[in-house]
Amino acid sequence: MYVYRWDETRSLLDEFRDHDGSPWDGIMLEYRDPVSGRTSYPTMTFFGQMLRPGEKTLPVKQNASQVCIAFEGAGSTTVDGVKMDWKPFDAFAVPGGTWFSHENTSAKDEAVLFVTSDEPTLRSLGFHRRQGRKKDGSIVRLD
């Protein structure tokens, strides 16, 4: 059993703030077992995700489900065309099989989400699928 401290995660997100990141995820760090390199639990994984000021991710569709909790900032998430606004301590779900994107609505502050997903379960069964929509509308596989 390990302890994963949020202040360390937040510090790492800050360190990567100026990197390109992913157009589908912004800056996203996954919690990993430091000995094995695997996810912390065999059935669930956890992420710290930063959206820089004004950043909007490109749409993603995956069969894994997510639960997101806003830790800092404010923004919105669009799931299959339905927009949900969020602020610190709001929680929302992104069901598997839906297109979604996040947006940081602040022009000066980061937005930070804590995300959990059942992705490892689907990966272990060989069923995980993830795709993204590019700016031109074409779809690419993201695994």
C-alpha atoms as a PDB file:
ATOM      1  CA  MET A   1       0.000   0.000   0.000  1.00  0.00           C
ATOM      2  CA  TYR A   2       1.321   3.430  -0.942  1.00  0.00           C
ATOM      3  CA  VAL A   3       0.330   6.983  -0.131  1.00  0.00           C
ATOM      4  CA  TYR A   4      -0.193   9.296  -3.076  1.00  0.00           C
ATOM      5  CA  ARG A   5      -0.143  12.880  -1.843  1.00  0.00           C
ATOM      6  CA  TRP A   6      -2.068  15.501  -3.794  1.00  0.00           C
ATOM      7  CA  ASP A   7       0.542  18.227  -3.196  1.00  0.00           C
ATOM      8  CA  GLU A   8       3.120  16.079  -5.036  1.00  0.00           C
ATOM      9  CA  THR A   9       0.711  15.504  -7.925  1.00  0.00           C
ATOM     10  CA  ARG A  10      -0.087  19.215  -8.118  1.00  0.00           C
ATOM     11  CA  SER A  11       3.614  20.055  -8.107  1.00  0.00           C
ATOM     12  CA  LEU A  12       4.235  17.657 -11.014  1.00  0.00           C
ATOM     13  CA  LEU A  13       1.336  19.154 -12.970  1.00  0.00           C
ATOM     14  CA  ASP A  14       2.962  22.572 -12.487  1.00  0.00           C
ATOM     15  CA  GLU A  15       6.301  21.207 -13.730  1.00  0.00           C
ATOM     16  CA  PHE A  16       4.643  20.032 -16.966  1.00  0.00           C
ATOM     17  CA  ARG A  17       2.519  23.164 -17.456  1.00  0.00           C
ATOM     18  CA  ASP A  18       4.712  24.484 -20.283  1.00  0.00           C
ATOM     19  CA  HIS A  19       4.930  21.172 -22.170  1.00  0.00           C
ATOM     20  CA  ASP A  20       2.757  20.570 -25.205  1.00  0.00           C
ATOM     21  CA  GLY A  21       0.598  17.998 -23.472  1.00  0.00           C
ATOM     22  CA  SER A  22      -2.087  16.237 -25.454  1.00  0.00           C
ATOM     23  CA  PRO A  23      -4.753  17.974 -27.536  1.00  0.00           C
ATOM     24  CA  TRP A  24      -7.214  15.398 -26.131  1.00  0.00           C
ATOM     25  CA  ASP A  25      -6.118  15.511 -22.462  1.00  0.00           C
ATOM     26  CA  GLY A  26      -4.159  18.685 -21.743  1.00  0.00           C
ATOM     27  CA  ILE A  27      -1.613  17.721 -19.072  1.00  0.00           C
ATOM     28  CA  MET A  28      -2.530  14.387 -17.487  1.00  0.00           C
ATOM     29  CA  LEU A  29      -0.580  12.325 -14.954  1.00  0.00           C
ATOM     30  CA  GLU A  30      -1.529   8.783 -14.003  1.00  0.00           C
ATOM     31  CA  TYR A  31      -0.961   7.415 -10.523  1.00  0.00           C
ATOM     32  CA  ARG A  32       1.247   4.303 -10.779  1.00  0.00           C
ATOM     33  CA  ASP A  33       2.593   1.705  -8.386  1.00  0.00           C
ATOM     34  CA  PRO A  34       6.239   2.799  -7.925  1.00  0.00           C
ATOM     35  CA  VAL A  35       7.490  -0.794  -7.709  1.00  0.00           C
ATOM     36  CA  SER A  36       5.631  -2.505 -10.565  1.00  0.00           C
ATOM     37  CA  GLY A  37       4.821   0.492 -12.767  1.00  0.00           C
ATOM     38  CA  ARG A  38       1.243  -0.762 -13.058  1.00  0.00           C
ATOM     39  CA  THR A  39      -1.893   1.086 -12.098  1.00  0.00           C
ATOM     40  CA  SER A  40      -2.437   1.428  -8.358  1.00  0.00           C
ATOM     41  CA  TYR A  41      -5.394  -0.982  -8.447  1.00  0.00           C
ATOM     42  CA  PRO A  42      -6.010  -3.760 -10.972  1.00  0.00           C
ATOM     43  CA  THR A  43      -9.537  -2.540 -11.783  1.00  0.00           C
ATOM     44  CA  MET A  44      -9.286   1.258 -11.506  1.00  0.00           C
ATOM     45  CA  THR A  45      -6.848   4.025 -12.288  1.00  0.00           C
ATOM     46  CA  PHE A  46      -6.516   7.625 -11.152  1.00  0.00           C
ATOM     47  CA  PHE A  47      -5.253  10.776 -12.873  1.00  0.00           C
ATOM     48  CA  GLY A  48      -4.463  14.378 -12.100  1.00  0.00           C
ATOM     49  CA  GLN A  49      -5.434  16.483 -15.107  1.00  0.00           C
ATOM     50  CA  MET A  50      -4.573  20.133 -15.765  1.00  0.00           C
ATOM     51  CA  LEU A  51      -6.220  22.351 -18.325  1.00  0.00           C
ATOM     52  CA  ARG A  52      -4.202  25.482 -18.850  1.00  0.00           C
ATOM     53  CA  PRO A  53      -5.909  28.893 -19.078  1.00  0.00           C
ATOM     54  CA  GLY A  54      -8.367  28.885 -21.974  1.00  0.00           C
ATOM     55  CA  GLU A  55      -7.461  25.324 -22.980  1.00  0.00           C
ATOM     56  CA  LYS A  56     -10.121  23.219 -24.650  1.00  0.00           C
ATOM     57  CA  THR A  57      -9.479  19.558 -25.373  1.00  0.00           C
ATOM     58  CA  LEU A  58     -10.437  17.870 -28.606  1.00  0.00           C
ATOM     59  CA  PRO A  59     -13.290  15.321 -28.340  1.00  0.00           C
ATOM     60  CA  VAL A  60     -12.485  11.816 -27.070  1.00  0.00           C
ATOM     61  CA  LYS A  61     -14.570   8.657 -27.111  1.00  0.00           C
ATOM     62  CA  GLN A  62     -13.595   5.592 -25.108  1.00  0.00           C
ATOM     63  CA  ASN A  63     -15.414   2.627 -23.691  1.00  0.00           C
ATOM     64  CA  ALA A  64     -13.995   3.226 -20.191  1.00  0.00           C
ATOM     65  CA  SER A  65     -16.098   5.315 -17.816  1.00  0.00           C
ATOM     66  CA  GLN A  66     -14.741   8.219 -15.800  1.00  0.00           C
ATOM     67  CA  VAL A  67     -15.687  10.117 -12.681  1.00  0.00           C
ATOM     68  CA  CYS A  68     -14.135  13.584 -12.529  1.00  0.00           C
ATOM     69  CA  ILE A  69     -13.873  15.911  -9.544  1.00  0.00           C
ATOM     70  CA  ALA A  70     -12.918  19.537 -10.063  1.00  0.00           C
ATOM     71  CA  PHE A  71     -10.191  20.464  -7.583  1.00  0.00           C
ATOM     72  CA  GLU A  72      -9.291  23.923  -8.923  1.00  0.00           C
ATOM     73  CA  GLY A  73     -10.601  26.438 -11.420  1.00  0.00           C
ATOM     74  CA  ALA A  74     -13.804  26.418 -13.389  1.00  0.00           C
ATOM     75  CA  GLY A  75     -14.760  24.988 -16.709  1.00  0.00           C
ATOM     76  CA  SER A  76     -17.178  22.881 -18.632  1.00  0.00           C
ATOM     77  CA  THR A  77     -17.352  19.388 -20.016  1.00  0.00           C
ATOM     78  CA  THR A  78     -19.465  18.458 -23.005  1.00  0.00           C
ATOM     79  CA  VAL A  79     -20.672  14.844 -23.101  1.00  0.00           C
ATOM     80  CA  ASP A  80     -22.467  13.772 -26.288  1.00  0.00           C
ATOM     81  CA  GLY A  81     -23.480  17.369 -26.959  1.00  0.00           C
ATOM     82  CA  VAL A  82     -24.648  18.157 -23.407  1.00  0.00           C
ATOM     83  CA  LYS A  83     -22.580  20.868 -21.713  1.00  0.00           C
ATOM     84  CA  MET A  84     -21.995  20.711 -17.941  1.00  0.00           C
ATOM     85  CA  ASP A  85     -20.361  23.615 -16.120  1.00  0.00           C
ATOM     86  CA  TRP A  86     -18.192  22.798 -13.099  1.00  0.00           C
ATOM     87  CA  LYS A  87     -16.271  24.521 -10.322  1.00  0.00           C
ATOM     88  CA  PRO A  88     -14.210  23.264  -7.344  1.00  0.00           C
ATOM     89  CA  PHE A  89     -15.676  20.237  -5.562  1.00  0.00           C
ATOM     90  CA  ASP A  90     -18.198  19.481  -8.315  1.00  0.00           C
ATOM     91  CA  ALA A  91     -18.193  15.872  -9.490  1.00  0.00           C
ATOM     92  CA  PHE A  92     -19.490  14.507 -12.766  1.00  0.00           C
ATOM     93  CA  ALA A  93     -19.468  11.240 -14.681  1.00  0.00           C
ATOM     94  CA  VAL A  94     -18.440  10.573 -18.253  1.00  0.00           C
ATOM     95  CA  PRO A  95     -20.077   7.294 -19.324  1.00  0.00           C
ATOM     96  CA  GLY A  96     -18.138   4.947 -21.551  1.00  0.00           C
ATOM     97  CA  GLY A  97     -19.062   5.113 -25.216  1.00  0.00           C
ATOM     98  CA  THR A  98     -19.718   8.875 -25.242  1.00  0.00           C
ATOM     99  CA  TRP A  99     -17.848  11.702 -26.961  1.00  0.00           C
ATOM    100  CA  PHE A 100     -16.550  14.245 -24.461  1.00  0.00           C
ATOM    101  CA  SER A 101     -14.276  17.273 -24.213  1.00  0.00           C
ATOM    102  CA  HIS A 102     -13.209  19.579 -21.383  1.00  0.00           C
ATOM    103  CA  GLU A 103     -12.745  23.343 -21.419  1.00  0.00           C
ATOM    104  CA  ASN A 104     -11.065  25.651 -18.940  1.00  0.00           C
ATOM    105  CA  THR A 105     -13.227  28.780 -19.043  1.00  0.00           C
ATOM    106  CA  SER A 106     -10.650  30.996 -17.311  1.00  0.00           C
ATOM    107  CA  ALA A 107      -8.207  33.058 -19.344  1.00  0.00           C
ATOM    108  CA  LYS A 108      -5.726  33.291 -16.434  1.00  0.00           C
ATOM    109  CA  ASP A 109      -6.074  30.324 -14.042  1.00  0.00           C
ATOM    110  CA  GLU A 110      -5.479  26.603 -14.473  1.00  0.00           C
ATOM    111  CA  ALA A 111      -8.317  24.138 -14.009  1.00  0.00           C
ATOM    112  CA  VAL A 112      -7.396  20.879 -12.293  1.00  0.00           C
ATOM    113  CA  LEU A 113      -9.443  17.687 -12.265  1.00  0.00           C
ATOM    114  CA  PHE A 114      -8.990  14.468 -10.325  1.00  0.00           C
ATOM    115  CA  VAL A 115     -10.142  11.608 -12.549  1.00  0.00           C
ATOM    116  CA  THR A 116     -10.825   7.948 -11.840  1.00  0.00           C
ATOM    117  CA  SER A 117     -11.581   5.343 -14.490  1.00  0.00           C
ATOM    118  CA  ASP A 118     -12.298   1.643 -14.936  1.00  0.00           C
ATOM    119  CA  GLU A 119      -9.844   1.570 -17.851  1.00  0.00           C
ATOM    120  CA  PRO A 120      -7.538  -1.121 -16.323  1.00  0.00           C
ATOM    121  CA  THR A 121     -10.414  -3.613 -16.178  1.00  0.00           C
ATOM    122  CA  LEU A 122     -11.144  -3.162 -19.866  1.00  0.00           C
ATOM    123  CA  ARG A 123      -7.430  -3.287 -20.741  1.00  0.00           C
ATOM    124  CA  SER A 124      -6.920  -6.557 -18.862  1.00  0.00           C
ATOM    125  CA  LEU A 125      -9.786  -8.104 -20.822  1.00  0.00           C
ATOM    126  CA  GLY A 126      -8.434  -6.754 -24.116  1.00  0.00           C
ATOM    127  CA  PHE A 127     -11.538  -4.611 -24.648  1.00  0.00           C
ATOM    128  CA  HIS A 128     -10.307  -1.043 -24.069  1.00  0.00           C
ATOM    129  CA  ARG A 129     -10.794   1.310 -27.010  1.00  0.00           C
ATOM    130  CA  ARG A 130     -10.041   5.042 -27.164  1.00  0.00           C
ATOM    131  CA  GLN A 131     -10.322   7.379 -30.111  1.00  0.00           C
ATOM    132  CA  GLY A 132     -10.113  11.108 -30.666  1.00  0.00           C
ATOM    133  CA  ARG A 133     -11.453  13.569 -33.143  1.00  0.00           C
ATOM    134  CA  LYS A 134      -8.828  15.764 -34.811  1.00  0.00           C
ATOM    135  CA  LYS A 135      -9.392  19.445 -35.626  1.00  0.00           C
ATOM    136  CA  ASP A 136     -10.304  18.517 -39.204  1.00  0.00           C
ATOM    137  CA  GLY A 137     -13.032  16.143 -37.912  1.00  0.00           C
ATOM    138  CA  SER A 138     -11.214  12.922 -38.748  1.00  0.00           C
ATOM    139  CA  ILE A 139     -11.032  10.215 -36.087  1.00  0.00           C
ATOM    140  CA  VAL A 140      -7.801   8.626 -34.853  1.00  0.00           C
ATOM    141  CA  ARG A 141      -7.105   5.767 -32.464  1.00  0.00           C
ATOM    142  CA  LEU A 142      -5.487   6.995 -29.237  1.00  0.00           C
ATOM    143  CA  ASP A 143      -4.011   3.880 -27.653  1.00  0.00           C
END
